[in-house]
Amino acid sequence: MKTLITLKIENFEEKGKEYFVATRDQIQGLVAEGNTIEEVIETASDLAKMLVELK
């Protein structure tokens, strides 16, 4: 069964390099980083599954 979650995705630039960070306040520990939006969503999805299973 799949569950939809809403992520907060922020765009950052540091030393000329752009990256994205995704978080979800309701899932403690969910902080994912990626070079593209697609990458950060995929990483956050995998991390969310692991964190929910640990509960």
N, C-alpha and C. Protein backbone atom coordinates (compact mmCIF):
# COMPACT_ATOMS: atom_id res chain seq x y z
N MET A 1 0.84 -1.18 0.00
CA MET A 1 0.00 0.00 0.00
C MET A 1 0.89 1.25 0.00
N LYS A 2 0.56 2.19 -0.85
CA LYS A 2 1.32 3.43 -0.93
C LYS A 2 0.60 4.55 -0.20
N THR A 3 1.37 5.40 0.41
CA THR A 3 0.85 6.57 1.11
C THR A 3 1.49 7.81 0.53
N LEU A 4 0.70 8.80 0.24
CA LEU A 4 1.23 10.06 -0.27
C LEU A 4 1.64 10.95 0.89
N ILE A 5 2.80 11.58 0.76
CA ILE A 5 3.23 12.55 1.76
C ILE A 5 3.60 13.84 1.03
N THR A 6 3.46 14.92 1.72
CA THR A 6 3.83 16.22 1.18
C THR A 6 5.22 16.58 1.71
N LEU A 7 6.10 16.92 0.80
CA LEU A 7 7.46 17.28 1.18
C LEU A 7 7.65 18.79 1.05
N LYS A 8 8.47 19.33 1.90
CA LYS A 8 8.93 20.71 1.74
C LYS A 8 10.28 20.62 1.05
N ILE A 9 10.36 21.15 -0.18
CA ILE A 9 11.60 21.10 -0.94
C ILE A 9 12.14 22.51 -1.10
N GLU A 10 13.38 22.68 -0.65
CA GLU A 10 14.04 23.98 -0.74
C GLU A 10 15.24 23.90 -1.66
N ASN A 11 15.50 24.99 -2.35
CA ASN A 11 16.61 25.09 -3.29
C ASN A 11 17.71 25.92 -2.64
N PHE A 12 18.94 25.41 -2.67
CA PHE A 12 20.07 26.11 -2.09
C PHE A 12 21.19 26.22 -3.12
N GLU A 13 22.03 27.21 -2.93
CA GLU A 13 23.23 27.34 -3.75
C GLU A 13 24.39 27.67 -2.82
N GLU A 14 25.45 26.89 -2.97
CA GLU A 14 26.63 27.09 -2.13
C GLU A 14 27.87 26.91 -3.00
N LYS A 15 28.72 27.91 -2.98
CA LYS A 15 29.95 27.89 -3.78
C LYS A 15 29.65 27.61 -5.25
N GLY A 16 28.57 28.22 -5.75
CA GLY A 16 28.20 28.08 -7.15
C GLY A 16 27.53 26.78 -7.53
N LYS A 17 27.27 25.91 -6.55
CA LYS A 17 26.64 24.63 -6.82
C LYS A 17 25.21 24.63 -6.26
N GLU A 18 24.24 24.25 -7.09
CA GLU A 18 22.84 24.21 -6.69
C GLU A 18 22.48 22.81 -6.19
N TYR A 19 21.67 22.75 -5.13
CA TYR A 19 21.17 21.47 -4.63
C TYR A 19 19.83 21.69 -3.96
N PHE A 20 19.13 20.58 -3.69
CA PHE A 20 17.79 20.63 -3.13
C PHE A 20 17.75 19.82 -1.84
N VAL A 21 16.94 20.28 -0.88
CA VAL A 21 16.75 19.59 0.38
C VAL A 21 15.25 19.40 0.61
N ALA A 22 14.87 18.17 0.92
CA ALA A 22 13.47 17.85 1.18
C ALA A 22 13.32 17.46 2.64
N THR A 23 12.25 17.96 3.27
CA THR A 23 11.96 17.62 4.67
C THR A 23 10.47 17.37 4.83
N ARG A 24 10.14 16.73 5.93
CA ARG A 24 8.74 16.51 6.31
C ARG A 24 8.72 16.53 7.83
N ASP A 25 8.13 17.60 8.40
CA ASP A 25 8.13 17.77 9.85
C ASP A 25 7.46 16.62 10.59
N GLN A 26 6.43 16.01 10.00
CA GLN A 26 5.68 14.95 10.68
C GLN A 26 6.40 13.62 10.71
N ILE A 27 7.49 13.49 9.95
CA ILE A 27 8.29 12.26 9.98
C ILE A 27 9.67 12.64 10.50
N GLN A 28 9.87 12.39 11.78
CA GLN A 28 11.12 12.78 12.42
C GLN A 28 12.31 12.12 11.72
N GLY A 29 13.30 12.92 11.37
CA GLY A 29 14.50 12.41 10.75
C GLY A 29 14.49 12.46 9.23
N LEU A 30 13.37 12.88 8.64
CA LEU A 30 13.31 12.90 7.18
C LEU A 30 13.94 14.19 6.66
N VAL A 31 15.18 14.08 6.25
CA VAL A 31 15.93 15.16 5.61
C VAL A 31 16.71 14.52 4.48
N ALA A 32 16.38 14.89 3.25
CA ALA A 32 17.04 14.30 2.09
C ALA A 32 17.65 15.40 1.24
N GLU A 33 18.76 15.09 0.60
CA GLU A 33 19.45 16.07 -0.26
C GLU A 33 19.70 15.45 -1.62
N GLY A 34 19.61 16.28 -2.67
CA GLY A 34 19.89 15.79 -4.01
C GLY A 34 20.27 16.92 -4.94
N ASN A 35 20.87 16.57 -6.07
CA ASN A 35 21.30 17.56 -7.05
C ASN A 35 20.16 18.04 -7.94
N THR A 36 19.08 17.24 -8.03
CA THR A 36 17.90 17.61 -8.82
C THR A 36 16.65 17.38 -7.98
N ILE A 37 15.54 17.95 -8.40
CA ILE A 37 14.28 17.74 -7.68
C ILE A 37 13.90 16.26 -7.73
N GLU A 38 14.07 15.63 -8.89
CA GLU A 38 13.73 14.22 -9.04
C GLU A 38 14.55 13.36 -8.08
N GLU A 39 15.83 13.67 -7.98
CA GLU A 39 16.72 12.91 -7.10
C GLU A 39 16.33 13.07 -5.63
N VAL A 40 16.02 14.29 -5.23
CA VAL A 40 15.67 14.51 -3.82
C VAL A 40 14.33 13.86 -3.48
N ILE A 41 13.39 13.83 -4.42
CA ILE A 41 12.10 13.17 -4.17
C ILE A 41 12.30 11.67 -4.03
N GLU A 42 13.11 11.08 -4.88
CA GLU A 42 13.38 9.64 -4.81
C GLU A 42 14.07 9.28 -3.49
N THR A 43 15.07 10.06 -3.12
CA THR A 43 15.79 9.82 -1.87
C THR A 43 14.86 9.97 -0.67
N ALA A 44 14.04 11.02 -0.67
CA ALA A 44 13.10 11.25 0.44
C ALA A 44 12.08 10.13 0.54
N SER A 45 11.62 9.64 -0.60
CA SER A 45 10.65 8.54 -0.61
C SER A 45 11.24 7.29 0.02
N ASP A 46 12.46 6.94 -0.38
CA ASP A 46 13.13 5.76 0.19
C ASP A 46 13.35 5.94 1.70
N LEU A 47 13.79 7.12 2.09
CA LEU A 47 14.04 7.39 3.50
C LEU A 47 12.75 7.34 4.31
N ALA A 48 11.67 7.90 3.78
CA ALA A 48 10.38 7.88 4.48
C ALA A 48 9.92 6.45 4.73
N LYS A 49 10.07 5.59 3.73
CA LYS A 49 9.69 4.18 3.91
C LYS A 49 10.46 3.54 5.05
N MET A 50 11.76 3.78 5.08
CA MET A 50 12.58 3.20 6.15
C MET A 50 12.19 3.74 7.52
N LEU A 51 11.96 5.04 7.61
CA LEU A 51 11.63 5.66 8.90
C LEU A 51 10.27 5.18 9.41
N VAL A 52 9.30 5.02 8.53
CA VAL A 52 7.98 4.56 8.93
C VAL A 52 8.05 3.11 9.39
N GLU A 53 8.85 2.30 8.71
CA GLU A 53 9.00 0.89 9.11
C GLU A 53 9.65 0.75 10.48
N LEU A 54 10.50 1.70 10.86
CA LEU A 54 11.18 1.64 12.16
C LEU A 54 10.25 1.95 13.32
N LYS A 55 9.15 2.63 13.05
CA LYS A 55 8.22 3.00 14.13
C LYS A 55 7.49 1.82 14.69
